[in-house]
N, C-alpha and C. Protein backbone atom coordinates (compact mmCIF):
# COMPACT_ATOMS: atom_id res chain seq x y z
N MET A 1 0.83 -1.17 -0.02
CA MET A 1 -0.02 -0.01 0.02
C MET A 1 0.84 1.27 -0.02
N ARG A 2 1.94 1.23 0.78
CA ARG A 2 2.84 2.37 0.89
C ARG A 2 3.44 2.67 -0.49
N LYS A 3 3.82 1.60 -1.17
CA LYS A 3 4.45 1.77 -2.48
C LYS A 3 3.50 2.42 -3.51
N LEU A 4 2.29 1.99 -3.42
CA LEU A 4 1.23 2.64 -4.36
C LEU A 4 1.02 4.07 -4.04
N VAL A 5 0.92 4.42 -2.74
CA VAL A 5 0.82 5.87 -2.38
C VAL A 5 2.04 6.61 -2.83
N LEU A 6 3.23 6.10 -2.70
CA LEU A 6 4.47 6.78 -3.10
C LEU A 6 4.49 6.93 -4.60
N VAL A 7 4.16 5.94 -5.36
CA VAL A 7 4.07 6.02 -6.86
C VAL A 7 3.07 7.10 -7.23
N LEU A 8 1.83 7.08 -6.64
CA LEU A 8 0.88 8.08 -7.03
C LEU A 8 1.33 9.54 -6.65
N ALA A 9 2.00 9.67 -5.48
CA ALA A 9 2.52 11.00 -5.13
C ALA A 9 3.57 11.47 -6.18
N VAL A 10 4.47 10.61 -6.53
CA VAL A 10 5.51 10.94 -7.57
C VAL A 10 4.85 11.35 -8.87
N LEU A 11 3.80 10.58 -9.28
CA LEU A 11 3.16 10.91 -10.50
C LEU A 11 2.44 12.27 -10.46
N VAL A 12 1.76 12.57 -9.32
CA VAL A 12 1.11 13.85 -9.20
C VAL A 12 2.11 14.97 -9.22
N VAL A 13 3.19 14.85 -8.46
CA VAL A 13 4.25 15.90 -8.48
C VAL A 13 4.81 16.05 -9.93
N PHE A 14 5.09 14.92 -10.57
CA PHE A 14 5.66 15.01 -11.92
C PHE A 14 4.65 15.74 -12.86
N GLN A 15 3.41 15.39 -12.80
CA GLN A 15 2.39 16.07 -13.66
C GLN A 15 2.32 17.58 -13.31
N PHE A 16 2.33 17.95 -12.07
CA PHE A 16 2.29 19.36 -11.66
C PHE A 16 3.54 20.04 -12.21
N ALA A 17 4.72 19.41 -12.13
CA ALA A 17 5.95 20.03 -12.55
C ALA A 17 5.94 20.25 -14.05
N VAL A 18 5.50 19.27 -14.80
CA VAL A 18 5.46 19.36 -16.31
C VAL A 18 4.51 20.42 -16.76
N SER A 19 3.39 20.53 -16.09
CA SER A 19 2.37 21.48 -16.54
C SER A 19 2.63 22.94 -15.99
N ALA A 20 3.52 22.99 -15.06
CA ALA A 20 3.80 24.30 -14.47
C ALA A 20 4.67 25.16 -15.37
N GLN A 21 4.53 26.49 -15.19
CA GLN A 21 5.37 27.37 -15.97
C GLN A 21 6.77 27.32 -15.38
N GLY A 22 7.80 27.54 -16.18
CA GLY A 22 9.17 27.43 -15.72
C GLY A 22 9.79 26.07 -15.89
N VAL A 23 9.16 25.23 -16.63
CA VAL A 23 9.67 23.92 -17.02
C VAL A 23 10.21 23.95 -18.41
N GLY A 24 11.35 23.30 -18.62
CA GLY A 24 11.92 23.31 -19.88
C GLY A 24 12.92 22.22 -20.11
N VAL A 25 13.15 21.74 -21.32
CA VAL A 25 14.17 20.82 -21.70
C VAL A 25 15.05 21.45 -22.79
N GLY A 26 16.32 21.48 -22.52
CA GLY A 26 17.33 22.03 -23.46
C GLY A 26 18.20 20.93 -23.99
N ILE A 27 18.50 20.95 -25.30
CA ILE A 27 19.38 20.00 -25.92
C ILE A 27 20.25 20.73 -26.86
N GLY A 28 21.54 20.31 -26.91
CA GLY A 28 22.45 21.00 -27.85
C GLY A 28 23.87 20.48 -27.75
N GLY A 29 24.80 21.30 -28.25
CA GLY A 29 26.18 20.87 -28.34
C GLY A 29 27.02 21.61 -27.37
N ALA A 30 28.22 21.02 -27.06
CA ALA A 30 29.12 21.62 -26.15
C ALA A 30 30.56 21.38 -26.61
N ALA A 31 31.40 22.39 -26.24
CA ALA A 31 32.85 22.25 -26.53
C ALA A 31 33.61 22.71 -25.20
N PHE A 32 34.51 21.89 -24.74
CA PHE A 32 35.23 22.24 -23.50
C PHE A 32 36.74 22.26 -23.76
N PHE A 33 37.41 23.08 -23.00
CA PHE A 33 38.88 23.30 -23.16
C PHE A 33 39.54 23.17 -21.84
N LYS A 34 40.61 22.30 -21.73
CA LYS A 34 41.47 22.22 -20.53
C LYS A 34 42.52 23.25 -20.66
N SER A 35 42.22 24.39 -20.09
CA SER A 35 43.10 25.54 -20.18
C SER A 35 44.38 25.42 -19.36
N PRO A 36 45.53 25.65 -19.94
CA PRO A 36 46.80 25.63 -19.12
C PRO A 36 46.74 26.69 -17.99
N TYR A 37 46.07 27.85 -18.27
CA TYR A 37 45.98 28.88 -17.24
C TYR A 37 45.17 28.33 -16.05
N LEU A 38 44.09 27.63 -16.27
CA LEU A 38 43.24 27.14 -15.18
C LEU A 38 44.03 25.99 -14.42
N LEU A 39 44.96 25.37 -15.10
CA LEU A 39 45.78 24.28 -14.47
C LEU A 39 47.02 24.87 -13.78
N GLY A 40 47.15 26.20 -13.83
CA GLY A 40 48.31 26.83 -13.18
C GLY A 40 49.59 26.72 -14.00
N GLN A 41 49.47 26.43 -15.31
CA GLN A 41 50.64 26.34 -16.14
C GLN A 41 50.73 27.65 -16.99
N PRO A 42 52.01 27.94 -17.51
CA PRO A 42 52.07 29.16 -18.31
C PRO A 42 51.38 28.93 -19.69
N ILE A 43 50.87 30.08 -20.16
CA ILE A 43 50.15 29.98 -21.47
C ILE A 43 51.08 30.11 -22.60
N ASP A 44 51.01 29.13 -23.52
CA ASP A 44 51.78 29.12 -24.81
C ASP A 44 50.84 28.85 -25.88
N VAL A 45 50.40 29.91 -26.64
CA VAL A 45 49.41 29.77 -27.69
C VAL A 45 49.86 28.75 -28.72
N SER A 46 51.13 28.66 -29.02
CA SER A 46 51.59 27.73 -30.04
C SER A 46 51.44 26.29 -29.60
N ALA A 47 51.30 26.00 -28.29
CA ALA A 47 51.15 24.66 -27.77
C ALA A 47 49.69 24.14 -27.68
N VAL A 48 48.75 25.02 -28.03
CA VAL A 48 47.35 24.62 -28.03
C VAL A 48 47.09 23.54 -29.13
N ASN A 49 46.57 22.42 -28.73
CA ASN A 49 46.30 21.34 -29.66
C ASN A 49 45.00 20.53 -29.35
N VAL A 50 44.67 19.65 -30.19
CA VAL A 50 43.45 18.87 -30.07
C VAL A 50 43.38 18.13 -28.75
N ASN A 51 44.56 17.82 -28.10
CA ASN A 51 44.49 17.12 -26.79
C ASN A 51 43.81 17.89 -25.69
N GLN A 52 43.67 19.19 -25.92
CA GLN A 52 43.03 20.09 -24.80
C GLN A 52 41.54 20.32 -25.05
N PHE A 53 40.97 19.75 -26.06
CA PHE A 53 39.56 19.96 -26.37
C PHE A 53 38.73 18.72 -26.22
N ALA A 54 37.45 18.87 -25.86
CA ALA A 54 36.52 17.81 -25.84
C ALA A 54 35.20 18.35 -26.37
N PHE A 55 34.46 17.55 -27.18
CA PHE A 55 33.25 17.95 -27.81
C PHE A 55 32.14 16.91 -27.52
N GLY A 56 30.89 17.44 -27.48
CA GLY A 56 29.80 16.48 -27.23
C GLY A 56 28.46 17.16 -27.13
N GLY A 57 27.53 16.43 -26.45
CA GLY A 57 26.11 16.91 -26.28
C GLY A 57 25.79 17.24 -24.93
N ASP A 58 24.76 18.15 -24.75
CA ASP A 58 24.31 18.59 -23.44
C ASP A 58 22.83 18.49 -23.40
N LEU A 59 22.28 17.87 -22.36
CA LEU A 59 20.87 17.71 -22.21
C LEU A 59 20.54 18.25 -20.79
N ARG A 60 19.54 19.18 -20.71
CA ARG A 60 19.14 19.76 -19.44
C ARG A 60 17.67 19.69 -19.26
N LEU A 61 17.25 19.50 -17.97
CA LEU A 61 15.86 19.58 -17.58
C LEU A 61 15.75 20.62 -16.48
N LYS A 62 14.89 21.66 -16.67
CA LYS A 62 14.74 22.71 -15.64
C LYS A 62 13.30 22.71 -15.22
N VAL A 63 13.09 22.64 -13.90
CA VAL A 63 11.81 22.71 -13.29
C VAL A 63 11.90 23.71 -12.21
N SER A 64 11.24 24.90 -12.44
CA SER A 64 11.26 25.99 -11.49
C SER A 64 12.76 26.40 -11.30
N ILE A 65 13.32 26.37 -10.11
CA ILE A 65 14.75 26.78 -9.92
C ILE A 65 15.64 25.57 -9.91
N PHE A 66 15.13 24.38 -10.11
CA PHE A 66 15.98 23.13 -10.09
C PHE A 66 16.34 22.77 -11.51
N GLN A 67 17.55 22.26 -11.69
CA GLN A 67 18.05 21.85 -13.00
C GLN A 67 18.81 20.54 -12.87
N ALA A 68 18.59 19.70 -13.80
CA ALA A 68 19.38 18.43 -13.92
C ALA A 68 20.05 18.46 -15.31
N GLU A 69 21.25 17.91 -15.42
CA GLU A 69 21.97 17.99 -16.65
C GLU A 69 22.81 16.72 -16.86
N ALA A 70 22.80 16.30 -18.13
CA ALA A 70 23.67 15.21 -18.61
C ALA A 70 24.56 15.77 -19.69
N LEU A 71 25.84 15.78 -19.51
CA LEU A 71 26.80 16.26 -20.45
C LEU A 71 27.70 15.12 -20.83
N VAL A 72 27.80 14.84 -22.15
CA VAL A 72 28.61 13.78 -22.73
C VAL A 72 29.64 14.35 -23.59
N LEU A 73 30.94 14.05 -23.29
CA LEU A 73 32.03 14.67 -24.08
C LEU A 73 32.94 13.59 -24.57
N LEU A 74 33.50 13.81 -25.79
CA LEU A 74 34.45 12.87 -26.42
C LEU A 74 35.73 13.75 -26.52
N ALA A 75 36.77 13.22 -25.90
CA ALA A 75 38.12 13.82 -25.96
C ALA A 75 39.01 12.99 -26.79
N MET A 76 39.61 13.51 -27.80
CA MET A 76 40.54 12.79 -28.71
C MET A 76 41.94 13.28 -28.48
N GLY A 77 42.92 12.48 -28.76
CA GLY A 77 44.31 12.89 -28.67
C GLY A 77 45.18 11.84 -28.17
N ASP A 78 46.22 12.20 -27.35
CA ASP A 78 47.17 11.20 -26.87
C ASP A 78 46.41 10.21 -25.97
N LEU A 79 45.45 10.66 -25.15
CA LEU A 79 44.63 9.82 -24.41
C LEU A 79 43.16 10.13 -24.77
N SER A 80 42.53 9.26 -25.45
CA SER A 80 41.12 9.47 -25.85
C SER A 80 40.23 8.92 -24.78
N SER A 81 39.12 9.67 -24.59
CA SER A 81 38.22 9.24 -23.54
C SER A 81 36.77 9.70 -23.87
N PHE A 82 35.81 9.00 -23.29
CA PHE A 82 34.41 9.27 -23.40
C PHE A 82 33.96 9.66 -21.96
N ASN A 83 33.53 10.85 -21.77
CA ASN A 83 33.23 11.42 -20.44
C ASN A 83 31.77 11.71 -20.33
N ILE A 84 31.17 11.33 -19.09
CA ILE A 84 29.79 11.61 -18.81
C ILE A 84 29.75 12.38 -17.48
N TYR A 85 29.07 13.51 -17.52
CA TYR A 85 28.92 14.38 -16.29
C TYR A 85 27.44 14.45 -16.02
N LEU A 86 26.97 13.99 -14.86
CA LEU A 86 25.57 14.04 -14.46
C LEU A 86 25.51 15.00 -13.27
N ASP A 87 24.81 16.11 -13.40
CA ASP A 87 24.70 17.12 -12.37
C ASP A 87 23.29 17.44 -12.06
N ALA A 88 23.03 17.82 -10.77
CA ALA A 88 21.78 18.36 -10.29
C ALA A 88 22.07 19.58 -9.50
N GLY A 89 21.26 20.61 -9.65
CA GLY A 89 21.55 21.81 -8.86
C GLY A 89 20.42 22.78 -9.06
N PHE A 90 20.82 24.07 -9.02
CA PHE A 90 19.89 25.18 -9.11
C PHE A 90 20.25 26.05 -10.30
N ALA A 91 19.19 26.69 -10.92
CA ALA A 91 19.33 27.60 -11.98
C ALA A 91 18.44 28.78 -11.71
N LEU A 92 18.98 29.96 -11.71
CA LEU A 92 18.27 31.18 -11.44
C LEU A 92 18.20 32.07 -12.65
N ASP A 93 16.95 32.37 -13.08
CA ASP A 93 16.78 33.21 -14.29
C ASP A 93 16.60 34.64 -13.83
N ILE A 94 17.41 35.60 -14.40
CA ILE A 94 17.37 36.96 -14.20
C ILE A 94 17.27 37.66 -15.61
N ALA A 95 16.11 38.05 -15.95
CA ALA A 95 15.86 38.54 -17.39
C ALA A 95 16.33 37.53 -18.39
N ILE A 96 17.37 37.81 -19.22
CA ILE A 96 17.81 36.90 -20.22
C ILE A 96 19.00 36.03 -19.73
N LEU A 97 19.46 36.27 -18.48
CA LEU A 97 20.60 35.63 -17.96
C LEU A 97 20.16 34.44 -17.03
N ARG A 98 20.74 33.31 -17.21
CA ARG A 98 20.46 32.11 -16.30
C ARG A 98 21.83 31.77 -15.65
N LEU A 99 21.85 31.82 -14.30
CA LEU A 99 23.01 31.46 -13.58
C LEU A 99 22.74 30.10 -12.92
N SER A 100 23.73 29.15 -13.02
CA SER A 100 23.47 27.81 -12.51
C SER A 100 24.64 27.27 -11.73
N ILE A 101 24.40 26.43 -10.76
CA ILE A 101 25.37 25.75 -10.01
C ILE A 101 24.83 24.29 -9.76
N GLY A 102 25.74 23.30 -9.85
CA GLY A 102 25.29 21.95 -9.64
C GLY A 102 26.47 21.05 -9.28
N ALA A 103 26.17 19.85 -8.93
CA ALA A 103 27.16 18.85 -8.65
C ALA A 103 26.62 17.45 -8.95
N GLY A 104 27.58 16.52 -9.10
CA GLY A 104 27.11 15.14 -9.39
C GLY A 104 28.24 14.28 -9.73
N PRO A 105 27.96 13.07 -10.14
CA PRO A 105 28.98 12.10 -10.47
C PRO A 105 29.48 12.27 -11.92
N ASN A 106 30.68 11.85 -12.15
CA ASN A 106 31.25 11.80 -13.59
C ASN A 106 31.86 10.46 -13.78
N PHE A 107 31.83 10.05 -15.00
CA PHE A 107 32.37 8.73 -15.41
C PHE A 107 33.26 8.93 -16.67
N THR A 108 34.45 8.31 -16.62
CA THR A 108 35.32 8.51 -17.73
C THR A 108 35.65 7.08 -18.28
N PHE A 109 35.48 6.87 -19.57
CA PHE A 109 35.82 5.61 -20.22
C PHE A 109 36.98 5.86 -21.08
N ASN A 110 38.23 5.40 -20.69
CA ASN A 110 39.46 5.68 -21.42
C ASN A 110 39.73 4.63 -22.49
N VAL A 111 40.33 5.13 -23.55
CA VAL A 111 40.81 4.20 -24.60
C VAL A 111 42.32 4.23 -24.58
N GLY A 112 42.95 3.11 -24.50
CA GLY A 112 44.44 3.10 -24.47
C GLY A 112 44.97 2.48 -23.26
N ASP A 113 46.13 2.97 -22.83
CA ASP A 113 46.88 2.34 -21.70
C ASP A 113 46.37 2.74 -20.30
N SER A 114 45.54 3.72 -20.23
CA SER A 114 45.09 4.16 -18.88
C SER A 114 44.03 3.26 -18.35
N ALA A 115 43.67 3.46 -17.08
CA ALA A 115 42.62 2.60 -16.48
C ALA A 115 41.36 2.79 -17.39
N PRO A 116 40.67 1.65 -17.74
CA PRO A 116 39.54 1.78 -18.66
C PRO A 116 38.35 2.57 -18.11
N LEU A 117 38.14 2.52 -16.79
CA LEU A 117 36.96 3.24 -16.22
C LEU A 117 37.38 4.01 -14.98
N GLN A 118 37.02 5.27 -14.95
CA GLN A 118 37.24 6.08 -13.79
C GLN A 118 35.95 6.73 -13.40
N ALA A 119 35.72 6.95 -12.12
CA ALA A 119 34.54 7.62 -11.63
C ALA A 119 34.97 8.64 -10.58
N GLY A 120 34.13 9.69 -10.47
CA GLY A 120 34.47 10.68 -9.46
C GLY A 120 33.28 11.61 -9.24
N LEU A 121 33.45 12.73 -8.66
CA LEU A 121 32.45 13.76 -8.40
C LEU A 121 32.92 15.08 -9.05
N ASN A 122 31.93 15.87 -9.47
CA ASN A 122 32.30 17.17 -10.01
C ASN A 122 31.28 18.22 -9.52
N ALA A 123 31.73 19.42 -9.72
CA ALA A 123 30.90 20.63 -9.43
C ALA A 123 30.91 21.47 -10.73
N LYS A 124 29.84 22.09 -11.04
CA LYS A 124 29.73 22.87 -12.26
C LYS A 124 29.11 24.23 -12.03
N LEU A 125 29.71 25.25 -12.53
CA LEU A 125 29.16 26.60 -12.55
C LEU A 125 28.90 27.03 -13.95
N GLY A 126 27.70 27.70 -14.18
CA GLY A 126 27.43 28.08 -15.53
C GLY A 126 26.63 29.43 -15.57
N ALA A 127 26.76 30.07 -16.80
CA ALA A 127 26.00 31.26 -17.09
C ALA A 127 25.56 31.11 -18.55
N ASP A 128 24.27 31.35 -18.75
CA ASP A 128 23.68 31.25 -20.13
C ASP A 128 22.89 32.52 -20.44
N LEU A 129 22.96 32.92 -21.68
CA LEU A 129 22.15 34.00 -22.18
C LEU A 129 21.07 33.38 -23.01
N LYS A 130 19.77 33.65 -22.73
CA LYS A 130 18.67 33.05 -23.46
C LYS A 130 18.09 34.02 -24.43
N PHE A 131 18.04 33.65 -25.68
CA PHE A 131 17.45 34.46 -26.80
C PHE A 131 16.30 33.65 -27.37
N GLY A 132 15.12 33.78 -26.78
CA GLY A 132 13.98 32.93 -27.25
C GLY A 132 14.26 31.50 -26.88
N PRO A 133 14.13 30.57 -27.87
CA PRO A 133 14.38 29.18 -27.53
C PRO A 133 15.86 28.76 -27.51
N ILE A 134 16.71 29.69 -27.87
CA ILE A 134 18.19 29.38 -27.97
C ILE A 134 18.92 29.96 -26.79
N SER A 135 19.84 29.22 -26.21
CA SER A 135 20.70 29.80 -25.17
C SER A 135 22.16 29.51 -25.56
N LEU A 136 22.96 30.51 -25.20
CA LEU A 136 24.44 30.43 -25.39
C LEU A 136 25.01 30.49 -24.02
N GLY A 137 25.89 29.58 -23.64
CA GLY A 137 26.39 29.58 -22.29
C GLY A 137 27.86 29.22 -22.17
N ILE A 138 28.40 29.59 -20.98
CA ILE A 138 29.74 29.12 -20.62
C ILE A 138 29.65 28.40 -19.29
N SER A 139 30.50 27.43 -19.15
CA SER A 139 30.51 26.62 -17.91
C SER A 139 31.91 26.31 -17.48
N TYR A 140 32.06 26.06 -16.22
CA TYR A 140 33.36 25.58 -15.64
C TYR A 140 33.07 24.38 -14.81
N ILE A 141 33.75 23.28 -15.07
CA ILE A 141 33.57 21.99 -14.42
C ILE A 141 34.86 21.75 -13.62
N MET A 142 34.73 21.43 -12.35
CA MET A 142 35.93 21.08 -11.56
C MET A 142 35.68 19.75 -10.76
N ALA A 143 36.80 19.10 -10.46
CA ALA A 143 36.67 17.91 -9.66
C ALA A 143 36.19 18.25 -8.24
N LEU A 144 35.56 17.36 -7.57
CA LEU A 144 35.03 17.58 -6.23
C LEU A 144 35.47 16.43 -5.37
N SER A 145 36.14 16.75 -4.25
CA SER A 145 36.58 15.77 -3.30
C SER A 145 35.70 15.87 -2.03
N ILE A 146 35.32 14.76 -1.49
CA ILE A 146 34.45 14.79 -0.29
C ILE A 146 35.23 14.14 0.88
N ASP A 147 36.54 13.97 0.78
CA ASP A 147 37.32 13.49 1.92
C ASP A 147 37.40 14.54 3.03
N ASN A 148 36.94 14.29 4.19
CA ASN A 148 36.94 15.25 5.32
C ASN A 148 36.29 16.56 4.93
N GLY A 149 35.13 16.56 4.36
CA GLY A 149 34.46 17.76 3.92
C GLY A 149 34.42 17.85 2.34
N ILE A 150 33.77 18.92 1.86
CA ILE A 150 33.65 19.07 0.48
C ILE A 150 34.73 20.09 0.06
N HIS A 151 35.55 19.62 -0.95
CA HIS A 151 36.68 20.48 -1.43
C HIS A 151 36.68 20.49 -2.93
N PRO A 152 36.35 21.60 -3.61
CA PRO A 152 36.52 21.70 -5.03
C PRO A 152 37.99 21.75 -5.41
N THR A 153 38.32 21.12 -6.55
CA THR A 153 39.70 21.07 -7.01
C THR A 153 39.70 21.90 -8.32
N THR A 154 40.02 23.20 -8.24
CA THR A 154 39.97 24.06 -9.38
C THR A 154 41.09 23.74 -10.39
N ALA A 155 42.14 23.09 -9.97
CA ALA A 155 43.29 22.76 -10.86
C ALA A 155 42.93 21.73 -11.92
N SER A 156 41.79 21.10 -11.83
CA SER A 156 41.42 20.08 -12.76
C SER A 156 40.30 20.51 -13.64
N GLY A 157 40.13 21.80 -13.81
CA GLY A 157 38.95 22.31 -14.41
C GLY A 157 38.84 22.28 -15.96
N LEU A 158 37.63 22.30 -16.44
CA LEU A 158 37.36 22.41 -17.89
C LEU A 158 36.52 23.65 -18.11
N LEU A 159 36.85 24.43 -19.04
CA LEU A 159 36.11 25.66 -19.36
C LEU A 159 35.42 25.38 -20.69
N GLY A 160 34.11 25.61 -20.75
CA GLY A 160 33.41 25.24 -21.94
C GLY A 160 32.31 26.21 -22.38
N ALA A 161 31.80 25.99 -23.60
CA ALA A 161 30.75 26.76 -24.16
C ALA A 161 29.68 25.85 -24.70
N GLN A 162 28.43 26.21 -24.52
CA GLN A 162 27.33 25.35 -25.04
C GLN A 162 26.33 26.24 -25.78
N ILE A 163 25.67 25.61 -26.72
CA ILE A 163 24.50 26.25 -27.38
C ILE A 163 23.40 25.21 -27.31
N LEU A 164 22.26 25.64 -26.74
CA LEU A 164 21.10 24.76 -26.53
C LEU A 164 19.83 25.28 -27.14
N TYR A 165 19.00 24.38 -27.57
CA TYR A 165 17.65 24.70 -28.01
C TYR A 165 16.68 24.22 -26.92
N TRP A 166 15.83 25.13 -26.47
CA TRP A 166 14.90 24.85 -25.34
C TRP A 166 13.50 24.58 -25.82
N ILE A 167 12.93 23.56 -25.29
CA ILE A 167 11.47 23.24 -25.52
C ILE A 167 10.79 23.51 -24.20
N GLU A 168 9.95 24.51 -24.21
CA GLU A 168 9.20 24.89 -22.99
C GLU A 168 7.74 25.02 -23.35
N PRO A 169 6.86 24.64 -22.42
CA PRO A 169 5.40 24.80 -22.74
C PRO A 169 5.06 26.24 -22.85
N ALA A 170 4.04 26.51 -23.66
CA ALA A 170 3.58 27.94 -23.85
C ALA A 170 3.00 28.36 -22.54
N ALA A 171 3.15 29.66 -22.30
CA ALA A 171 2.56 30.22 -21.07
C ALA A 171 1.04 30.25 -21.22
N LYS A 172 0.38 29.94 -20.11
CA LYS A 172 -1.09 29.91 -20.11
C LYS A 172 -1.67 31.28 -20.06
N LYS A 173 -2.63 31.57 -20.90
CA LYS A 173 -3.25 32.92 -20.95
C LYS A 173 -4.37 32.98 -19.85
N ALA A 174 -4.44 34.18 -19.27
CA ALA A 174 -5.42 34.40 -18.26
C ALA A 174 -6.85 34.54 -18.87
N SER A 175 -7.82 33.96 -18.28
CA SER A 175 -9.12 33.99 -18.85
C SER A 175 -9.93 35.24 -18.46
C-alpha cells in the first residue's frame, strides 16, 4: 500500500511540474577546453592542440529553480576518452541571464593504456544568455573531493561553451 501511495505521489508531483510554468528541456552541443591557465601552467598559444579539447552533447531539464543536466564529451588525442557528467542543482533566471550551479558524479571511459573506467564527483558553474528558445552559455567544471568535507579542485577544471535549443510549454493565458 505504501508503494502505491508513493508512486501516485510521484506521478502527481511530476504532472504538476510538467504542466507548471518554468519547465523546460534543453538539448544542444558543447565544446570544452582544458586551459593551461586554469591548471596553473604558463600559457603558450603555439602549444594549443586537439588534446586540450572535448566535444559532445548537453541535455538539461529545468523545473522552477531546479536543474538536472547530462553532459557527454568525447576527448581525442594522446589519451582518448568518453566522459559523462551528471549534475543536479539550481538555476536562477534573471531577465535573459540564467546562472546555475550543480554537482554530481562523472564517469570516464578511457581508450588506450590508462585505467579503462574512472569515476568521481564534479561541481559545475554556468551562465547562459537566453534568446527565445536558444541559449548560449559558458561553464566551468571542476573535480570535487568529499574527503573530510567538500573540497573543489579548481586545478582540474574544464572551461566550456554550449549552445542549446529549449523546448518549453507555452505560457497559459489568463481567462
